[in-house]
């Protein structure tokens, strides 16, 4: 039986990726600092990153959809922290019954946050 999923996304620079996700509220997972690998967690969500130094962000199609409750509070928290919301992904209700918004990380991995309405 499947129980969890932990997406693995590319990163060019571990320190930049870690700083960005910490600004969202993620924390480092575990006590070991693995070379070329990063694990972060917030609440029940765990994201893993592998080093890809030659990644061209304009050619990266990494995407993760994260469901949450109280999306409006989380959205306002990111706005207050001056975290850039994707220009085509501001908070809005979608025809498929989700309230959503999106952000891009430093490597152009798209994070879409959604809540059922």
N, C-alpha and C. Protein backbone atom coordinates (compact mmCIF):
# COMPACT_ATOMS: atom_id res chain seq x y z
N UNK A 1 0.84 -1.18 0.00
CA UNK A 1 0.00 0.00 0.00
C UNK A 1 0.88 1.24 0.00
N UNK A 2 0.58 2.19 -0.86
CA UNK A 2 1.33 3.44 -0.92
C UNK A 2 0.96 4.32 0.27
N UNK A 3 1.96 4.98 0.84
CA UNK A 3 1.69 5.81 2.01
C UNK A 3 2.15 7.25 1.87
N UNK A 4 3.22 7.51 1.14
CA UNK A 4 3.74 8.87 1.02
C UNK A 4 4.44 9.03 -0.33
N UNK A 5 4.63 10.27 -0.70
CA UNK A 5 5.44 10.57 -1.88
C UNK A 5 6.37 11.72 -1.52
N UNK A 6 7.61 11.62 -1.94
CA UNK A 6 8.60 12.66 -1.68
C UNK A 6 9.25 13.03 -3.02
N UNK A 7 8.72 14.06 -3.67
CA UNK A 7 9.28 14.45 -4.97
C UNK A 7 10.76 14.79 -4.87
N UNK A 8 11.49 14.45 -5.93
CA UNK A 8 12.91 14.79 -6.05
C UNK A 8 13.04 15.79 -7.19
N UNK A 9 13.54 16.96 -6.87
CA UNK A 9 13.66 18.05 -7.84
C UNK A 9 15.12 18.44 -8.02
N UNK A 10 15.47 18.96 -9.19
CA UNK A 10 16.86 19.39 -9.42
C UNK A 10 17.16 20.73 -8.75
N UNK A 11 18.42 20.87 -8.35
CA UNK A 11 18.90 22.16 -7.80
C UNK A 11 20.31 22.39 -8.32
N UNK A 12 20.62 23.65 -8.58
CA UNK A 12 21.97 23.99 -9.02
C UNK A 12 22.88 24.27 -7.84
N UNK A 13 22.37 24.96 -6.84
CA UNK A 13 23.19 25.37 -5.70
C UNK A 13 22.41 25.10 -4.42
N UNK A 14 22.93 24.18 -3.64
CA UNK A 14 22.26 23.73 -2.42
C UNK A 14 21.94 24.88 -1.46
N UNK A 15 22.87 25.79 -1.25
CA UNK A 15 22.64 26.88 -0.29
C UNK A 15 21.49 27.78 -0.74
N UNK A 16 21.38 28.06 -2.04
CA UNK A 16 20.30 28.90 -2.56
C UNK A 16 18.96 28.20 -2.43
N UNK A 17 18.94 26.91 -2.73
CA UNK A 17 17.71 26.14 -2.61
C UNK A 17 17.26 26.08 -1.16
N UNK A 18 18.19 25.79 -0.27
CA UNK A 18 17.86 25.71 1.15
C UNK A 18 17.33 27.05 1.66
N UNK A 19 17.96 28.14 1.30
CA UNK A 19 17.52 29.47 1.76
C UNK A 19 16.12 29.79 1.26
N UNK A 20 15.84 29.48 0.00
CA UNK A 20 14.52 29.77 -0.56
C UNK A 20 13.44 28.99 0.17
N UNK A 21 13.65 27.70 0.32
CA UNK A 21 12.61 26.87 0.94
C UNK A 21 12.45 27.18 2.43
N UNK A 22 13.53 27.56 3.08
CA UNK A 22 13.40 27.99 4.48
C UNK A 22 12.55 29.26 4.56
N UNK A 23 12.65 30.13 3.57
CA UNK A 23 11.82 31.34 3.58
C UNK A 23 10.34 30.99 3.42
N UNK A 24 10.04 29.85 2.80
CA UNK A 24 8.66 29.39 2.69
C UNK A 24 8.16 28.75 3.98
N UNK A 25 9.11 28.33 4.83
CA UNK A 25 8.73 27.68 6.09
C UNK A 25 9.22 26.25 6.23
N UNK A 26 9.95 25.75 5.23
CA UNK A 26 10.49 24.39 5.30
C UNK A 26 11.69 24.36 6.24
N UNK A 27 11.93 23.19 6.81
CA UNK A 27 13.09 22.96 7.68
C UNK A 27 13.91 21.81 7.13
N UNK A 28 15.20 21.84 7.41
CA UNK A 28 16.08 20.75 6.98
C UNK A 28 15.66 19.46 7.67
N UNK A 29 15.64 18.39 6.93
CA UNK A 29 15.25 17.09 7.46
C UNK A 29 16.49 16.27 7.76
N UNK A 30 16.58 15.76 8.96
CA UNK A 30 17.70 14.91 9.34
C UNK A 30 18.89 15.69 9.88
N UNK A 31 19.85 14.93 10.39
CA UNK A 31 21.04 15.52 11.01
C UNK A 31 22.27 15.45 10.13
N UNK A 32 22.18 14.73 9.01
CA UNK A 32 23.34 14.54 8.13
C UNK A 32 23.22 15.47 6.93
N UNK A 33 24.31 16.14 6.59
CA UNK A 33 24.35 17.01 5.43
C UNK A 33 24.99 16.23 4.29
N UNK A 34 24.16 15.69 3.40
CA UNK A 34 24.66 14.88 2.30
C UNK A 34 25.16 15.76 1.17
N UNK A 35 26.31 15.43 0.64
CA UNK A 35 26.86 16.19 -0.48
C UNK A 35 25.97 16.01 -1.70
N UNK A 36 25.56 17.12 -2.29
CA UNK A 36 24.78 17.07 -3.51
C UNK A 36 23.33 16.65 -3.32
N UNK A 37 22.85 16.61 -2.09
CA UNK A 37 21.47 16.18 -1.84
C UNK A 37 20.91 16.98 -0.68
N UNK A 38 19.63 17.30 -0.76
CA UNK A 38 18.99 18.11 0.27
C UNK A 38 17.59 17.56 0.52
N UNK A 39 17.23 17.44 1.79
CA UNK A 39 15.89 17.00 2.18
C UNK A 39 15.28 18.07 3.08
N UNK A 40 14.07 18.50 2.73
CA UNK A 40 13.38 19.53 3.48
C UNK A 40 11.97 19.06 3.81
N UNK A 41 11.43 19.60 4.92
CA UNK A 41 10.10 19.18 5.35
C UNK A 41 9.35 20.36 5.95
N UNK A 42 8.05 20.40 5.66
CA UNK A 42 7.15 21.34 6.33
C UNK A 42 5.84 20.58 6.54
N UNK A 43 5.42 20.52 7.80
CA UNK A 43 4.23 19.75 8.17
C UNK A 43 4.39 18.33 7.63
N UNK A 44 3.45 17.84 6.82
CA UNK A 44 3.53 16.47 6.31
C UNK A 44 4.18 16.40 4.93
N UNK A 45 4.68 17.53 4.42
CA UNK A 45 5.26 17.59 3.08
C UNK A 45 6.77 17.49 3.16
N UNK A 46 7.32 16.58 2.38
CA UNK A 46 8.77 16.38 2.31
C UNK A 46 9.21 16.53 0.85
N UNK A 47 10.20 17.38 0.61
CA UNK A 47 10.77 17.56 -0.72
C UNK A 47 12.25 17.20 -0.67
N UNK A 48 12.70 16.50 -1.71
CA UNK A 48 14.11 16.14 -1.84
C UNK A 48 14.66 16.83 -3.08
N UNK A 49 15.94 17.17 -3.02
CA UNK A 49 16.61 17.85 -4.13
C UNK A 49 17.93 17.17 -4.43
N UNK A 50 18.23 17.01 -5.70
CA UNK A 50 19.51 16.45 -6.13
C UNK A 50 20.28 17.51 -6.90
N UNK A 51 21.58 17.48 -6.74
CA UNK A 51 22.44 18.47 -7.38
C UNK A 51 22.49 18.25 -8.89
N UNK A 52 22.28 19.33 -9.63
CA UNK A 52 22.34 19.33 -11.09
C UNK A 52 22.93 20.68 -11.47
N UNK A 53 24.25 20.78 -11.33
CA UNK A 53 24.95 22.06 -11.49
C UNK A 53 24.78 22.69 -12.87
N UNK A 54 24.60 21.88 -13.90
CA UNK A 54 24.51 22.42 -15.26
C UNK A 54 23.05 22.63 -15.70
N UNK A 55 22.13 22.54 -14.79
CA UNK A 55 20.71 22.74 -15.12
C UNK A 55 20.50 24.13 -15.68
N UNK A 56 19.82 24.21 -16.79
CA UNK A 56 19.40 25.49 -17.35
C UNK A 56 17.99 25.73 -16.84
N UNK A 57 17.78 26.72 -15.95
CA UNK A 57 16.44 26.96 -15.40
C UNK A 57 15.37 27.19 -16.46
N UNK A 58 15.76 27.70 -17.63
CA UNK A 58 14.79 27.94 -18.70
C UNK A 58 14.32 26.63 -19.34
N UNK A 59 15.03 25.53 -19.04
CA UNK A 59 14.67 24.23 -19.59
C UNK A 59 14.18 23.26 -18.51
N UNK A 60 13.96 23.77 -17.31
CA UNK A 60 13.51 22.92 -16.20
C UNK A 60 11.99 22.91 -16.14
N UNK A 61 11.44 21.71 -16.15
CA UNK A 61 9.99 21.56 -16.08
C UNK A 61 9.54 20.87 -14.80
N UNK A 62 10.39 20.92 -13.74
CA UNK A 62 10.03 20.33 -12.46
C UNK A 62 8.82 21.03 -11.87
N UNK A 63 7.85 20.22 -11.43
CA UNK A 63 6.63 20.78 -10.87
C UNK A 63 6.14 19.90 -9.73
N UNK A 64 5.59 20.55 -8.70
CA UNK A 64 4.98 19.84 -7.58
C UNK A 64 3.68 20.55 -7.24
N UNK A 65 2.63 19.77 -7.00
CA UNK A 65 1.35 20.32 -6.56
C UNK A 65 1.20 19.96 -5.09
N UNK A 66 1.03 20.98 -4.24
CA UNK A 66 0.95 20.78 -2.80
C UNK A 66 -0.43 21.24 -2.31
N UNK A 67 -1.17 20.32 -1.75
CA UNK A 67 -2.48 20.67 -1.18
C UNK A 67 -2.29 21.13 0.26
N UNK A 68 -3.09 22.10 0.65
CA UNK A 68 -3.03 22.61 2.01
C UNK A 68 -4.40 23.12 2.42
N UNK A 69 -4.56 23.31 3.72
CA UNK A 69 -5.75 23.99 4.19
C UNK A 69 -5.33 25.40 4.60
N UNK A 70 -6.25 26.31 4.60
CA UNK A 70 -5.99 27.71 4.92
C UNK A 70 -4.99 28.34 3.94
N UNK A 71 -5.25 28.15 2.67
CA UNK A 71 -4.36 28.64 1.62
C UNK A 71 -4.24 30.17 1.65
N UNK A 72 -5.32 30.85 2.01
CA UNK A 72 -5.27 32.32 2.01
C UNK A 72 -4.28 32.86 3.04
N UNK A 73 -4.21 32.23 4.21
CA UNK A 73 -3.24 32.66 5.22
C UNK A 73 -1.82 32.39 4.74
N UNK A 74 -1.59 31.21 4.16
CA UNK A 74 -0.25 30.88 3.65
C UNK A 74 0.14 31.86 2.54
N UNK A 75 -0.77 32.16 1.65
CA UNK A 75 -0.53 33.11 0.56
C UNK A 75 -0.13 34.48 1.12
N UNK A 76 -0.89 34.98 2.09
CA UNK A 76 -0.60 36.28 2.68
C UNK A 76 0.74 36.28 3.43
N UNK A 77 1.09 35.14 4.03
CA UNK A 77 2.39 35.01 4.70
C UNK A 77 3.53 35.18 3.69
N UNK A 78 3.39 34.54 2.53
CA UNK A 78 4.43 34.66 1.50
C UNK A 78 4.50 36.08 0.94
N UNK A 79 3.35 36.70 0.75
CA UNK A 79 3.32 38.09 0.27
C UNK A 79 4.04 38.98 1.28
N UNK A 80 3.76 38.79 2.57
CA UNK A 80 4.38 39.61 3.62
C UNK A 80 5.90 39.41 3.66
N UNK A 81 6.37 38.23 3.26
CA UNK A 81 7.81 37.95 3.22
C UNK A 81 8.44 38.39 1.89
N UNK A 82 7.65 38.98 1.02
CA UNK A 82 8.10 39.46 -0.30
C UNK A 82 8.59 38.31 -1.18
N UNK A 83 7.96 37.16 -1.05
CA UNK A 83 8.27 36.03 -1.93
C UNK A 83 7.48 36.21 -3.21
N UNK A 84 8.17 36.15 -4.33
CA UNK A 84 7.54 36.40 -5.62
C UNK A 84 6.54 35.31 -5.97
N UNK A 85 5.32 35.72 -6.26
CA UNK A 85 4.29 34.82 -6.75
C UNK A 85 4.44 34.77 -8.27
N UNK A 86 4.28 33.58 -8.85
CA UNK A 86 4.41 33.42 -10.29
C UNK A 86 3.45 34.40 -10.99
N UNK A 87 3.93 35.11 -12.02
CA UNK A 87 3.08 36.11 -12.69
C UNK A 87 1.77 35.54 -13.24
N UNK A 88 1.77 34.27 -13.61
CA UNK A 88 0.55 33.64 -14.11
C UNK A 88 -0.11 32.78 -13.04
N UNK A 89 0.33 32.91 -11.79
CA UNK A 89 -0.15 32.02 -10.76
C UNK A 89 -0.59 32.70 -9.48
N UNK A 90 -1.21 33.87 -9.59
CA UNK A 90 -1.69 34.51 -8.37
C UNK A 90 -2.90 33.74 -7.82
N UNK A 91 -3.23 33.99 -6.58
CA UNK A 91 -4.30 33.27 -5.91
C UNK A 91 -5.63 33.48 -6.62
N UNK A 92 -6.20 32.39 -7.10
CA UNK A 92 -7.51 32.49 -7.74
C UNK A 92 -8.19 31.12 -7.75
N UNK A 93 -9.51 31.19 -7.88
CA UNK A 93 -10.28 29.94 -7.95
C UNK A 93 -10.24 29.42 -9.38
N UNK A 94 -9.93 28.14 -9.50
CA UNK A 94 -9.83 27.50 -10.80
C UNK A 94 -11.13 26.77 -11.14
N UNK A 95 -11.40 26.56 -12.43
CA UNK A 95 -12.63 25.87 -12.84
C UNK A 95 -12.75 24.44 -12.30
N UNK A 96 -11.62 23.85 -11.92
CA UNK A 96 -11.63 22.47 -11.42
C UNK A 96 -11.85 22.40 -9.91
N UNK A 97 -12.30 23.50 -9.32
CA UNK A 97 -12.70 23.49 -7.92
C UNK A 97 -11.59 23.66 -6.91
N UNK A 98 -10.48 24.26 -7.32
CA UNK A 98 -9.36 24.50 -6.42
C UNK A 98 -9.07 25.99 -6.36
N UNK A 99 -8.71 26.46 -5.19
CA UNK A 99 -8.15 27.80 -5.02
C UNK A 99 -6.65 27.59 -5.07
N UNK A 100 -5.94 28.26 -5.99
CA UNK A 100 -4.53 27.96 -6.23
C UNK A 100 -3.69 29.22 -6.39
N UNK A 101 -2.37 29.03 -6.13
CA UNK A 101 -1.36 30.00 -6.53
C UNK A 101 -0.05 29.25 -6.72
N UNK A 102 0.91 29.90 -7.39
CA UNK A 102 2.17 29.23 -7.71
C UNK A 102 3.37 30.14 -7.45
N UNK A 103 4.50 29.51 -7.16
CA UNK A 103 5.79 30.20 -7.05
C UNK A 103 6.83 29.37 -7.79
N UNK A 104 7.88 30.04 -8.21
CA UNK A 104 9.04 29.37 -8.82
C UNK A 104 10.20 29.42 -7.84
N UNK A 105 10.90 28.31 -7.68
CA UNK A 105 12.09 28.32 -6.84
C UNK A 105 13.28 28.82 -7.65
N UNK A 106 14.48 28.93 -7.08
CA UNK A 106 15.63 29.49 -7.81
C UNK A 106 16.02 28.72 -9.07
N UNK A 107 15.54 27.47 -9.19
CA UNK A 107 15.89 26.66 -10.35
C UNK A 107 14.72 26.46 -11.30
N UNK A 108 13.67 27.25 -11.12
CA UNK A 108 12.46 27.22 -11.92
C UNK A 108 11.61 25.96 -11.72
N UNK A 109 11.75 25.32 -10.57
CA UNK A 109 10.79 24.28 -10.20
C UNK A 109 9.52 25.01 -9.80
N UNK A 110 8.40 24.61 -10.39
CA UNK A 110 7.12 25.27 -10.13
C UNK A 110 6.42 24.58 -8.96
N UNK A 111 6.09 25.36 -7.95
CA UNK A 111 5.33 24.86 -6.80
C UNK A 111 3.94 25.47 -6.89
N UNK A 112 2.93 24.64 -7.06
CA UNK A 112 1.56 25.10 -7.07
C UNK A 112 0.91 24.64 -5.78
N UNK A 113 0.30 25.58 -5.09
CA UNK A 113 -0.38 25.30 -3.83
C UNK A 113 -1.88 25.37 -4.09
N UNK A 114 -2.62 24.37 -3.58
CA UNK A 114 -4.04 24.34 -3.83
C UNK A 114 -4.87 23.88 -2.67
N UNK A 115 -6.09 24.36 -2.63
CA UNK A 115 -7.06 23.98 -1.61
C UNK A 115 -8.42 23.83 -2.29
N UNK A 116 -9.13 22.75 -1.95
CA UNK A 116 -10.47 22.55 -2.49
C UNK A 116 -11.40 23.63 -1.96
N UNK A 117 -12.31 24.09 -2.85
CA UNK A 117 -13.31 25.09 -2.43
C UNK A 117 -14.71 24.51 -2.61
